Amino acid sequence: MPGNYKKYGLLIIPFLLLAVDIFLIRLDVKHSQKFLTFGMLDVGQGEALYIESPNGAQILFDAGPARKVLAPLRSVISPFDRTLDAIVITNPDADHIGGLADILKYYQVGLVLEPGTQNSSKTFQNLKTKIKDQKIPVILAKKGMRINMGDGAVIDILFPDRDVSSWSTNEGSVVAQLRYGATSIMLTGDATSETEKIILASNPQKEVKSKILKVGHHGSRSSTSAAFFRAVAPDYALVSLGKGNSYGHPHPEVLETLGEFGAKVFRTDLLGTIILKSDGKNEAFSVHR
């Protein structure tokens, strides 16, 4: 087990069957900062998102493909820091979970949230074994859950809103919204346009509107419908994908949609790791290669 270089507390308050709130409580004040950090890590053709609240609570959404996540993660986290409060697995495909073997080798993880979709791959089965061996609590992500990261930073789960264990990994992907003051980020995983329809039908438009959109499924044509983009109405669109990938991501139709609505686009294949910092009022972007 990696060394615990940072004290952290994890308080789960669900009235457990309802699974409403998860509180991440930072005990080590020396890690406190005055801003929210969001990093879209350059992991090639895959996805890994790092979130750190102003009080130092840290969450990783996915970890990209195998052997790609550690170097970009160290561009946003101290090399002496070997703990993560939680990991959210948006879907169990290799381009989202392959790097978690490295994470579990070098970092102590407090909690895993996942959607309940299935994948028979050796990568996913081995990951489940590692999580079990390290006795990391696993919770099914459900609509209505709120992850309270402290100092006003919260993550609301918007999907799944039902049992998705028999769904495809993309259609059952976790969708969530990160909020800190006036900053809001829609986190879509690999959710398809069909999943987007469910989200739009079950949430008021004001609750999905976000300043920043993490574009679904690496810019695939199967995601980021015009209706969803119109409802989210972002100023910025972030896309995680590999340079020269064989899938043709991002699809020209998606880029056309982004351009039609005037969103400023940031792509990891062109820029490397994309880092956003927010004081709750304004956002500042930087990149790291």
C-alpha atoms as a PDB file:
ATOM      1  CA  MET A   1       0.000   0.000   0.000  1.00  0.00           C
ATOM      2  CA  PRO A   2       1.389   3.447  -0.904  1.00  0.00           C
ATOM      3  CA  GLY A   3       2.488   5.703   1.922  1.00  0.00           C
ATOM      4  CA  ASN A   4      -0.118   8.052   3.305  1.00  0.00           C
ATOM      5  CA  TYR A   5       1.529  11.453   2.931  1.00  0.00           C
ATOM      6  CA  LYS A   6      -1.646  13.430   3.515  1.00  0.00           C
ATOM      7  CA  LYS A   7      -4.339  13.014   6.110  1.00  0.00           C
ATOM      8  CA  TYR A   8      -7.817  12.909   4.736  1.00  0.00           C
ATOM      9  CA  GLY A   9     -11.252  12.036   5.992  1.00  0.00           C
ATOM     10  CA  LEU A  10     -14.137  10.496   4.125  1.00  0.00           C
ATOM     11  CA  LEU A  11     -17.610  10.822   5.565  1.00  0.00           C
ATOM     12  CA  ILE A  12     -20.413   9.137   3.689  1.00  0.00           C
ATOM     13  CA  ILE A  13     -23.876  10.345   4.660  1.00  0.00           C
ATOM     14  CA  PRO A  14     -26.486   8.365   2.828  1.00  0.00           C
ATOM     15  CA  PHE A  15     -29.086   7.281   5.001  1.00  0.00           C
ATOM     16  CA  LEU A  16     -27.283   4.638   3.051  1.00  0.00           C
ATOM     17  CA  LEU A  17     -30.102   3.239   0.979  1.00  0.00           C
ATOM     18  CA  LEU A  18     -30.869   6.706  -0.326  1.00  0.00           C
ATOM     19  CA  ALA A  19     -27.206   7.474  -1.006  1.00  0.00           C
ATOM     20  CA  VAL A  20     -27.688  11.218  -1.065  1.00  0.00           C
ATOM     21  CA  ASP A  21     -24.495  12.982  -0.009  1.00  0.00           C
ATOM     22  CA  ILE A  22     -20.829  12.081   0.068  1.00  0.00           C
ATOM     23  CA  PHE A  23     -18.701  14.527   2.041  1.00  0.00           C
ATOM     24  CA  LEU A  24     -14.968  14.722   1.424  1.00  0.00           C
ATOM     25  CA  ILE A  25     -13.462  16.409   4.473  1.00  0.00           C
ATOM     26  CA  ARG A  26      -9.903  17.688   4.183  1.00  0.00           C
ATOM     27  CA  LEU A  27      -8.121  17.523   7.495  1.00  0.00           C
ATOM     28  CA  ASP A  28      -4.701  18.762   6.396  1.00  0.00           C
ATOM     29  CA  VAL A  29      -5.113  22.529   6.077  1.00  0.00           C
ATOM     30  CA  LYS A  30      -1.649  23.070   4.623  1.00  0.00           C
ATOM     31  CA  HIS A  31      -3.007  21.795   1.314  1.00  0.00           C
ATOM     32  CA  SER A  32      -5.722  24.444   1.254  1.00  0.00           C
ATOM     33  CA  GLN A  33      -5.762  26.885  -1.649  1.00  0.00           C
ATOM     34  CA  LYS A  34      -7.982  29.715  -2.765  1.00  0.00           C
ATOM     35  CA  PHE A  35      -9.188  28.199  -6.013  1.00  0.00           C
ATOM     36  CA  LEU A  36     -10.649  25.140  -7.688  1.00  0.00           C
ATOM     37  CA  THR A  37      -8.333  23.196  -9.991  1.00  0.00           C
ATOM     38  CA  PHE A  38      -9.673  21.143 -12.895  1.00  0.00           C
ATOM     39  CA  GLY A  39      -7.281  19.255 -15.146  1.00  0.00           C
ATOM     40  CA  MET A  40      -8.079  17.406 -18.360  1.00  0.00           C
ATOM     41  CA  LEU A  41      -4.995  15.199 -18.459  1.00  0.00           C
ATOM     42  CA  ASP A  42      -3.325  14.389 -21.757  1.00  0.00           C
ATOM     43  CA  VAL A  43      -3.569  10.592 -21.765  1.00  0.00           C
ATOM     44  CA  GLY A  44      -3.786  10.147 -25.528  1.00  0.00           C
ATOM     45  CA  GLN A  45      -6.908   8.446 -26.866  1.00  0.00           C
ATOM     46  CA  GLY A  46      -8.746   8.182 -23.579  1.00  0.00           C
ATOM     47  CA  GLU A  47      -9.854  10.336 -20.697  1.00  0.00           C
ATOM     48  CA  ALA A  48      -8.720  11.298 -17.203  1.00  0.00           C
ATOM     49  CA  LEU A  49      -9.974  14.344 -15.296  1.00  0.00           C
ATOM     50  CA  TYR A  50      -8.461  15.679 -12.071  1.00  0.00           C
ATOM     51  CA  ILE A  51     -10.440  17.875  -9.677  1.00  0.00           C
ATOM     52  CA  GLU A  52      -9.080  19.565  -6.553  1.00  0.00           C
ATOM     53  CA  SER A  53     -11.290  21.725  -4.354  1.00  0.00           C
ATOM     54  CA  PRO A  54     -10.063  24.887  -2.594  1.00  0.00           C
ATOM     55  CA  ASN A  55      -9.589  22.916   0.634  1.00  0.00           C
ATOM     56  CA  GLY A  56      -7.506  20.250  -1.098  1.00  0.00           C
ATOM     57  CA  ALA A  57     -10.009  17.407  -1.600  1.00  0.00           C
ATOM     58  CA  GLN A  58      -9.063  15.482  -4.743  1.00  0.00           C
ATOM     59  CA  ILE A  59     -11.077  13.358  -7.162  1.00  0.00           C
ATOM     60  CA  LEU A  60     -10.015  11.592 -10.347  1.00  0.00           C
ATOM     61  CA  PHE A  61     -12.642  10.943 -13.008  1.00  0.00           C
ATOM     62  CA  ASP A  62     -11.211   7.993 -14.976  1.00  0.00           C
ATOM     63  CA  ALA A  63      -7.530   7.363 -15.648  1.00  0.00           C
ATOM     64  CA  GLY A  64      -7.152   6.895 -19.390  1.00  0.00           C
ATOM     65  CA  PRO A  65      -5.486   3.900 -21.054  1.00  0.00           C
ATOM     66  CA  ALA A  66      -2.703   1.883 -19.435  1.00  0.00           C
ATOM     67  CA  ARG A  67       0.605   3.592 -18.598  1.00  0.00           C
ATOM     68  CA  LYS A  68      -0.518   7.076 -19.656  1.00  0.00           C
ATOM     69  CA  VAL A  69      -1.844   8.805 -16.550  1.00  0.00           C
ATOM     70  CA  LEU A  70       1.006   9.207 -14.051  1.00  0.00           C
ATOM     71  CA  ALA A  71       3.106  11.783 -15.920  1.00  0.00           C
ATOM     72  CA  PRO A  72       0.271  14.239 -16.667  1.00  0.00           C
ATOM     73  CA  LEU A  73      -1.208  13.719 -13.193  1.00  0.00           C
ATOM     74  CA  ARG A  74       2.066  14.895 -11.672  1.00  0.00           C
ATOM     75  CA  SER A  75       1.673  18.175 -13.545  1.00  0.00           C
ATOM     76  CA  VAL A  76      -1.294  19.016 -11.298  1.00  0.00           C
ATOM     77  CA  ILE A  77      -0.534  17.156  -8.067  1.00  0.00           C
ATOM     78  CA  SER A  78       2.515  17.273  -5.795  1.00  0.00           C
ATOM     79  CA  PRO A  79       4.974  14.389  -6.341  1.00  0.00           C
ATOM     80  CA  PHE A  80       4.892  13.849  -2.571  1.00  0.00           C
ATOM     81  CA  ASP A  81       1.111  13.532  -2.539  1.00  0.00           C
ATOM     82  CA  ARG A  82       0.100   9.877  -2.706  1.00  0.00           C
ATOM     83  CA  THR A  83      -3.598   9.936  -1.810  1.00  0.00           C
ATOM     84  CA  LEU A  84      -6.791  10.544  -3.756  1.00  0.00           C
ATOM     85  CA  ASP A  85     -10.053  10.974  -1.894  1.00  0.00           C
ATOM     86  CA  ALA A  86     -12.160   9.344  -4.588  1.00  0.00           C
ATOM     87  CA  ILE A  87     -12.111   7.912  -8.082  1.00  0.00           C
ATOM     88  CA  VAL A  88     -15.144   8.050 -10.346  1.00  0.00           C
ATOM     89  CA  ILE A  89     -15.235   5.419 -13.087  1.00  0.00           C
ATOM     90  CA  THR A  90     -17.585   6.834 -15.720  1.00  0.00           C
ATOM     91  CA  ASN A  91     -17.492   3.609 -17.726  1.00  0.00           C
ATOM     92  CA  PRO A  92     -15.429   0.400 -17.615  1.00  0.00           C
ATOM     93  CA  ASP A  93     -13.817   0.612 -21.066  1.00  0.00           C
ATOM     94  CA  ALA A  94     -10.024   0.371 -21.283  1.00  0.00           C
ATOM     95  CA  ASP A  95      -9.534   3.961 -22.483  1.00  0.00           C
ATOM     96  CA  HIS A  96     -11.078   5.137 -19.199  1.00  0.00           C
ATOM     97  CA  ILE A  97      -9.879   2.534 -16.673  1.00  0.00           C
ATOM     98  CA  GLY A  98      -6.599   1.181 -18.081  1.00  0.00           C
ATOM     99  CA  GLY A  99      -4.538   3.657 -16.062  1.00  0.00           C
ATOM    100  CA  LEU A 100      -6.197   2.812 -12.758  1.00  0.00           C
ATOM    101  CA  ALA A 101      -3.786  -0.080 -12.205  1.00  0.00           C
ATOM    102  CA  ASP A 102      -0.994   2.522 -11.979  1.00  0.00           C
ATOM    103  CA  ILE A 103      -3.109   4.769  -9.753  1.00  0.00           C
ATOM    104  CA  LEU A 104      -3.818   1.959  -7.290  1.00  0.00           C
ATOM    105  CA  LYS A 105      -0.142   1.024  -7.276  1.00  0.00           C
ATOM    106  CA  TYR A 106       1.103   4.486  -6.324  1.00  0.00           C
ATOM    107  CA  TYR A 107      -1.852   6.193  -4.623  1.00  0.00           C
ATOM    108  CA  GLN A 108      -4.044   5.434  -1.641  1.00  0.00           C
ATOM    109  CA  VAL A 109      -7.657   5.787  -2.761  1.00  0.00           C
ATOM    110  CA  GLY A 110     -10.494   6.517  -0.348  1.00  0.00           C
ATOM    111  CA  LEU A 111     -13.528   5.573  -2.419  1.00  0.00           C
ATOM    112  CA  VAL A 112     -14.610   4.383  -5.874  1.00  0.00           C
ATOM    113  CA  LEU A 113     -17.867   5.386  -7.551  1.00  0.00           C
ATOM    114  CA  GLU A 114     -18.982   3.568 -10.697  1.00  0.00           C
ATOM    115  CA  PRO A 115     -22.164   3.237 -12.778  1.00  0.00           C
ATOM    116  CA  GLY A 116     -22.697  -0.517 -12.581  1.00  0.00           C
ATOM    117  CA  THR A 117     -22.227  -1.202 -16.291  1.00  0.00           C
ATOM    118  CA  GLN A 118     -20.332  -4.373 -17.141  1.00  0.00           C
ATOM    119  CA  ASN A 119     -17.275  -5.221 -19.207  1.00  0.00           C
ATOM    120  CA  SER A 120     -15.874  -8.746 -19.487  1.00  0.00           C
ATOM    121  CA  SER A 121     -12.383  -7.515 -20.382  1.00  0.00           C
ATOM    122  CA  LYS A 122      -9.406  -8.761 -18.413  1.00  0.00           C
ATOM    123  CA  THR A 123      -8.519  -5.131 -17.694  1.00  0.00           C
ATOM    124  CA  PHE A 124     -11.792  -4.497 -15.878  1.00  0.00           C
ATOM    125  CA  GLN A 125     -11.847  -7.833 -14.083  1.00  0.00           C
ATOM    126  CA  ASN A 126      -8.285  -7.306 -12.816  1.00  0.00           C
ATOM    127  CA  LEU A 127      -9.211  -3.794 -11.689  1.00  0.00           C
ATOM    128  CA  LYS A 128     -12.161  -5.076  -9.663  1.00  0.00           C
ATOM    129  CA  THR A 129      -9.855  -7.589  -7.990  1.00  0.00           C
ATOM    130  CA  LYS A 130      -7.327  -4.868  -7.081  1.00  0.00           C
ATOM    131  CA  ILE A 131     -10.054  -2.648  -5.630  1.00  0.00           C
ATOM    132  CA  LYS A 132     -11.367  -5.539  -3.559  1.00  0.00           C
ATOM    133  CA  ASP A 133      -7.883  -6.553  -2.385  1.00  0.00           C
ATOM    134  CA  GLN A 134      -7.190  -2.993  -1.204  1.00  0.00           C
ATOM    135  CA  LYS A 135     -10.559  -2.908   0.574  1.00  0.00           C
ATOM    136  CA  ILE A 136     -11.610   0.307  -1.159  1.00  0.00           C
ATOM    137  CA  PRO A 137     -15.325   1.054  -0.677  1.00  0.00           C
ATOM    138  CA  VAL A 138     -17.318   0.977  -3.932  1.00  0.00           C
ATOM    139  CA  ILE A 139     -20.572   2.902  -4.382  1.00  0.00           C
ATOM    140  CA  LEU A 140     -22.919   2.875  -7.371  1.00  0.00           C
ATOM    141  CA  ALA A 141     -23.270   6.395  -8.736  1.00  0.00           C
ATOM    142  CA  LYS A 142     -26.923   7.442  -8.932  1.00  0.00           C
ATOM    143  CA  LYS A 143     -28.817  10.584  -9.876  1.00  0.00           C
ATOM    144  CA  GLY A 144     -29.410  12.672  -6.760  1.00  0.00           C
ATOM    145  CA  MET A 145     -26.033  11.938  -5.194  1.00  0.00           C
ATOM    146  CA  ARG A 146     -23.934  14.939  -4.292  1.00  0.00           C
ATOM    147  CA  ILE A 147     -20.200  14.789  -3.657  1.00  0.00           C
ATOM    148  CA  ASN A 148     -19.393  17.697  -1.348  1.00  0.00           C
ATOM    149  CA  MET A 149     -15.698  18.483  -1.791  1.00  0.00           C
ATOM    150  CA  GLY A 150     -15.742  21.338   0.722  1.00  0.00           C
ATOM    151  CA  ASP A 151     -15.472  25.127   0.496  1.00  0.00           C
ATOM    152  CA  GLY A 152     -18.477  25.255  -1.822  1.00  0.00           C
ATOM    153  CA  ALA A 153     -17.237  22.821  -4.484  1.00  0.00           C
ATOM    154  CA  VAL A 154     -19.842  20.151  -5.243  1.00  0.00           C
ATOM    155  CA  ILE A 155     -20.367  17.435  -7.836  1.00  0.00           C
ATOM    156  CA  ASP A 156     -23.941  16.396  -8.606  1.00  0.00           C
ATOM    157  CA  ILE A 157     -24.585  13.042 -10.289  1.00  0.00           C
ATOM    158  CA  LEU A 158     -27.126  13.456 -13.114  1.00  0.00           C
ATOM    159  CA  PHE A 159     -26.957   9.914 -14.529  1.00  0.00           C
ATOM    160  CA  PRO A 160     -27.457   6.945 -14.111  1.00  0.00           C
ATOM    161  CA  ASP A 161     -30.986   7.455 -12.833  1.00  0.00           C
ATOM    162  CA  ARG A 162     -31.781   3.726 -12.986  1.00  0.00           C
ATOM    163  CA  ASP A 163     -30.182   0.277 -13.113  1.00  0.00           C
ATOM    164  CA  VAL A 164     -27.810   0.329 -16.112  1.00  0.00           C
ATOM    165  CA  SER A 165     -26.076  -2.994 -15.473  1.00  0.00           C
ATOM    166  CA  SER A 166     -27.375  -4.392 -18.780  1.00  0.00           C
ATOM    167  CA  TRP A 167     -26.759  -1.213 -20.778  1.00  0.00           C
ATOM    168  CA  SER A 168     -23.848  -0.595 -23.104  1.00  0.00           C
ATOM    169  CA  THR A 169     -20.878   0.969 -21.347  1.00  0.00           C
ATOM    170  CA  ASN A 170     -21.336   4.259 -23.198  1.00  0.00           C
ATOM    171  CA  GLU A 171     -25.097   4.598 -22.774  1.00  0.00           C
ATOM    172  CA  GLY A 172     -24.731   3.836 -19.050  1.00  0.00           C
ATOM    173  CA  SER A 173     -21.882   6.297 -18.539  1.00  0.00           C
ATOM    174  CA  VAL A 174     -21.794   8.503 -15.450  1.00  0.00           C
ATOM    175  CA  VAL A 175     -22.757  12.105 -16.178  1.00  0.00           C
ATOM    176  CA  ALA A 176     -22.144  14.730 -13.504  1.00  0.00           C
ATOM    177  CA  GLN A 177     -21.899  18.467 -13.003  1.00  0.00           C
ATOM    178  CA  LEU A 178     -19.141  20.194 -11.035  1.00  0.00           C
ATOM    179  CA  ARG A 179     -19.999  23.554  -9.473  1.00  0.00           C
ATOM    180  CA  TYR A 180     -17.904  26.094  -7.598  1.00  0.00           C
ATOM    181  CA  GLY A 181     -19.391  29.555  -7.331  1.00  0.00           C
ATOM    182  CA  ALA A 182     -20.091  30.830 -10.839  1.00  0.00           C
ATOM    183  CA  THR A 183     -17.992  28.062 -12.399  1.00  0.00           C
ATOM    184  CA  SER A 184     -19.868  25.017 -13.668  1.00  0.00           C
ATOM    185  CA  ILE A 185     -18.515  22.076 -15.667  1.00  0.00           C
ATOM    186  CA  MET A 186     -20.643  19.379 -17.317  1.00  0.00           C
ATOM    187  CA  LEU A 187     -18.831  16.025 -17.139  1.00  0.00           C
ATOM    188  CA  THR A 188     -20.273  13.623 -19.702  1.00  0.00           C
ATOM    189  CA  GLY A 189     -17.973  10.601 -19.838  1.00  0.00           C
ATOM    190  CA  ASP A 190     -18.837   8.648 -22.997  1.00  0.00           C
ATOM    191  CA  ALA A 191     -22.581   9.290 -22.704  1.00  0.00           C
ATOM    192  CA  THR A 192     -24.428   8.937 -26.004  1.00  0.00           C
ATOM    193  CA  SER A 193     -27.038  11.235 -27.507  1.00  0.00           C
ATOM    194  CA  GLU A 194     -29.691   8.808 -26.197  1.00  0.00           C
ATOM    195  CA  THR A 195     -28.383   9.294 -22.657  1.00  0.00           C
ATOM    196  CA  GLU A 196     -28.350  13.044 -23.250  1.00  0.00           C
ATOM    197  CA  LYS A 197     -32.068  12.866 -24.129  1.00  0.00           C
ATOM    198  CA  ILE A 198     -32.809  11.196 -20.789  1.00  0.00           C
ATOM    199  CA  ILE A 199     -30.867  13.886 -18.924  1.00  0.00           C
ATOM    200  CA  LEU A 200     -32.654  16.702 -20.754  1.00  0.00           C
ATOM    201  CA  ALA A 201     -36.047  15.101 -20.105  1.00  0.00           C
ATOM    202  CA  SER A 202     -35.433  14.680 -16.375  1.00  0.00           C
ATOM    203  CA  ASN A 203     -33.705  17.969 -15.483  1.00  0.00           C
ATOM    204  CA  PRO A 204     -34.731  21.628 -15.895  1.00  0.00           C
ATOM    205  CA  GLN A 205     -32.573  23.453 -18.427  1.00  0.00           C
ATOM    206  CA  LYS A 206     -31.244  25.766 -15.725  1.00  0.00           C
ATOM    207  CA  GLU A 207     -29.789  22.731 -13.936  1.00  0.00           C
ATOM    208  CA  VAL A 208     -27.842  21.443 -16.947  1.00  0.00           C
ATOM    209  CA  LYS A 209     -26.623  24.834 -18.147  1.00  0.00           C
ATOM    210  CA  SER A 210     -22.859  24.961 -17.591  1.00  0.00           C
ATOM    211  CA  LYS A 211     -20.102  27.391 -18.421  1.00  0.00           C
ATOM    212  CA  ILE A 212     -17.816  24.543 -19.524  1.00  0.00           C
ATOM    213  CA  LEU A 213     -18.680  21.304 -21.327  1.00  0.00           C
ATOM    214  CA  LYS A 214     -16.465  18.249 -21.269  1.00  0.00           C
ATOM    215  CA  VAL A 215     -17.403  17.015 -24.743  1.00  0.00           C
ATOM    216  CA  GLY A 216     -18.772  13.468 -24.695  1.00  0.00           C
ATOM    217  CA  HIS A 217     -16.925  10.401 -25.999  1.00  0.00           C
ATOM    218  CA  HIS A 218     -13.811  12.210 -27.256  1.00  0.00           C
ATOM    219  CA  GLY A 219     -15.821  14.176 -29.820  1.00  0.00           C
ATOM    220  CA  SER A 220     -17.563  11.155 -31.330  1.00  0.00           C
ATOM    221  CA  ARG A 221     -20.616  11.713 -33.534  1.00  0.00           C
ATOM    222  CA  SER A 222     -22.595   9.462 -31.150  1.00  0.00           C
ATOM    223  CA  SER A 223     -22.476  12.166 -28.457  1.00  0.00           C
ATOM    224  CA  THR A 224     -22.939  15.921 -27.992  1.00  0.00           C
ATOM    225  CA  SER A 225     -26.185  16.368 -29.886  1.00  0.00           C
ATOM    226  CA  ALA A 226     -27.197  19.865 -30.913  1.00  0.00           C
ATOM    227  CA  ALA A 227     -30.109  19.710 -28.443  1.00  0.00           C
ATOM    228  CA  PHE A 228     -27.812  18.835 -25.557  1.00  0.00           C
ATOM    229  CA  PHE A 229     -25.268  21.470 -26.507  1.00  0.00           C
ATOM    230  CA  ARG A 230     -28.022  24.075 -26.782  1.00  0.00           C
ATOM    231  CA  ALA A 231     -29.268  23.220 -23.284  1.00  0.00           C
ATOM    232  CA  VAL A 232     -25.809  23.236 -21.692  1.00  0.00           C
ATOM    233  CA  ALA A 233     -24.938  26.436 -23.576  1.00  0.00           C
ATOM    234  CA  PRO A 234     -21.226  26.419 -22.653  1.00  0.00           C
ATOM    235  CA  ASP A 235     -18.713  29.156 -23.277  1.00  0.00           C
ATOM    236  CA  TYR A 236     -15.923  26.574 -23.442  1.00  0.00           C
ATOM    237  CA  ALA A 237     -15.768  23.001 -24.760  1.00  0.00           C
ATOM    238  CA  LEU A 238     -12.979  20.613 -23.721  1.00  0.00           C
ATOM    239  CA  VAL A 239     -12.172  17.472 -25.728  1.00  0.00           C
ATOM    240  CA  SER A 240      -9.909  14.615 -24.606  1.00  0.00           C
ATOM    241  CA  LEU A 241      -8.478  12.597 -27.492  1.00  0.00           C
ATOM    242  CA  GLY A 242      -5.282  11.235 -29.001  1.00  0.00           C
ATOM    243  CA  LYS A 243      -3.421  12.887 -31.838  1.00  0.00           C
ATOM    244  CA  GLY A 244      -4.033  11.118 -35.150  1.00  0.00           C
ATOM    245  CA  ASN A 245      -6.390   8.602 -33.527  1.00  0.00           C
ATOM    246  CA  SER A 246      -7.903   5.895 -35.721  1.00  0.00           C
ATOM    247  CA  TYR A 247     -11.500   6.786 -34.783  1.00  0.00           C
ATOM    248  CA  GLY A 248     -11.595  10.105 -36.582  1.00  0.00           C
ATOM    249  CA  HIS A 249     -12.224  11.988 -33.336  1.00  0.00           C
ATOM    250  CA  PRO A 250     -13.309  14.697 -33.069  1.00  0.00           C
ATOM    251  CA  HIS A 251     -15.975  14.171 -35.711  1.00  0.00           C
ATOM    252  CA  PRO A 252     -16.456  17.106 -38.114  1.00  0.00           C
ATOM    253  CA  GLU A 253     -20.173  17.276 -37.248  1.00  0.00           C
ATOM    254  CA  VAL A 254     -19.334  17.760 -33.573  1.00  0.00           C
ATOM    255  CA  LEU A 255     -16.818  20.487 -34.388  1.00  0.00           C
ATOM    256  CA  GLU A 256     -19.466  22.119 -36.565  1.00  0.00           C
ATOM    257  CA  THR A 257     -21.924  22.068 -33.650  1.00  0.00           C
ATOM    258  CA  LEU A 258     -19.334  23.581 -31.311  1.00  0.00           C
ATOM    259  CA  GLY A 259     -18.562  26.288 -33.842  1.00  0.00           C
ATOM    260  CA  GLU A 260     -22.213  27.008 -34.562  1.00  0.00           C
ATOM    261  CA  PHE A 261     -22.843  27.869 -30.931  1.00  0.00           C
ATOM    262  CA  GLY A 262     -19.626  29.846 -30.547  1.00  0.00           C
ATOM    263  CA  ALA A 263     -17.896  27.782 -27.858  1.00  0.00           C
ATOM    264  CA  LYS A 264     -14.135  28.135 -27.521  1.00  0.00           C
ATOM    265  CA  VAL A 265     -12.636  24.658 -27.997  1.00  0.00           C
ATOM    266  CA  PHE A 266      -9.655  23.209 -26.100  1.00  0.00           C
ATOM    267  CA  ARG A 267      -8.268  19.839 -27.301  1.00  0.00           C
ATOM    268  CA  THR A 268      -5.673  17.657 -25.591  1.00  0.00           C
ATOM    269  CA  ASP A 269      -4.366  16.358 -28.935  1.00  0.00           C
ATOM    270  CA  LEU A 270      -3.386  19.905 -29.867  1.00  0.00           C
ATOM    271  CA  LEU A 271      -2.582  21.463 -26.486  1.00  0.00           C
ATOM    272  CA  GLY A 272      -1.606  18.671 -24.087  1.00  0.00           C
ATOM    273  CA  THR A 273      -2.957  18.734 -20.528  1.00  0.00           C
ATOM    274  CA  ILE A 274      -5.537  21.497 -20.069  1.00  0.00           C
ATOM    275  CA  ILE A 275      -5.674  23.100 -16.613  1.00  0.00           C
ATOM    276  CA  LEU A 276      -8.444  25.374 -15.380  1.00  0.00           C
ATOM    277  CA  LYS A 277      -8.301  27.348 -12.156  1.00  0.00           C
ATOM    278  CA  SER A 278     -11.306  29.160 -10.731  1.00  0.00           C
ATOM    279  CA  ASP A 279     -11.766  31.496  -7.776  1.00  0.00           C
ATOM    280  CA  GLY A 280     -15.515  30.943  -8.007  1.00  0.00           C
ATOM    281  CA  LYS A 281     -15.991  34.017 -10.163  1.00  0.00           C
ATOM    282  CA  ASN A 282     -13.547  33.765 -13.049  1.00  0.00           C
ATOM    283  CA  GLU A 283     -11.680  30.973 -14.826  1.00  0.00           C
ATOM    284  CA  ALA A 284      -8.097  30.940 -16.069  1.00  0.00           C
ATOM    285  CA  PHE A 285      -6.813  28.290 -18.490  1.00  0.00           C
ATOM    286  CA  SER A 286      -3.273  27.039 -18.972  1.00  0.00           C
ATOM    287  CA  VAL A 287      -1.736  24.067 -20.771  1.00  0.00           C
ATOM    288  CA  HIS A 288       1.070  21.669 -19.956  1.00  0.00           C
ATOM    289  CA  ARG A 289       2.955  19.349 -22.314  1.00  0.00           C
END
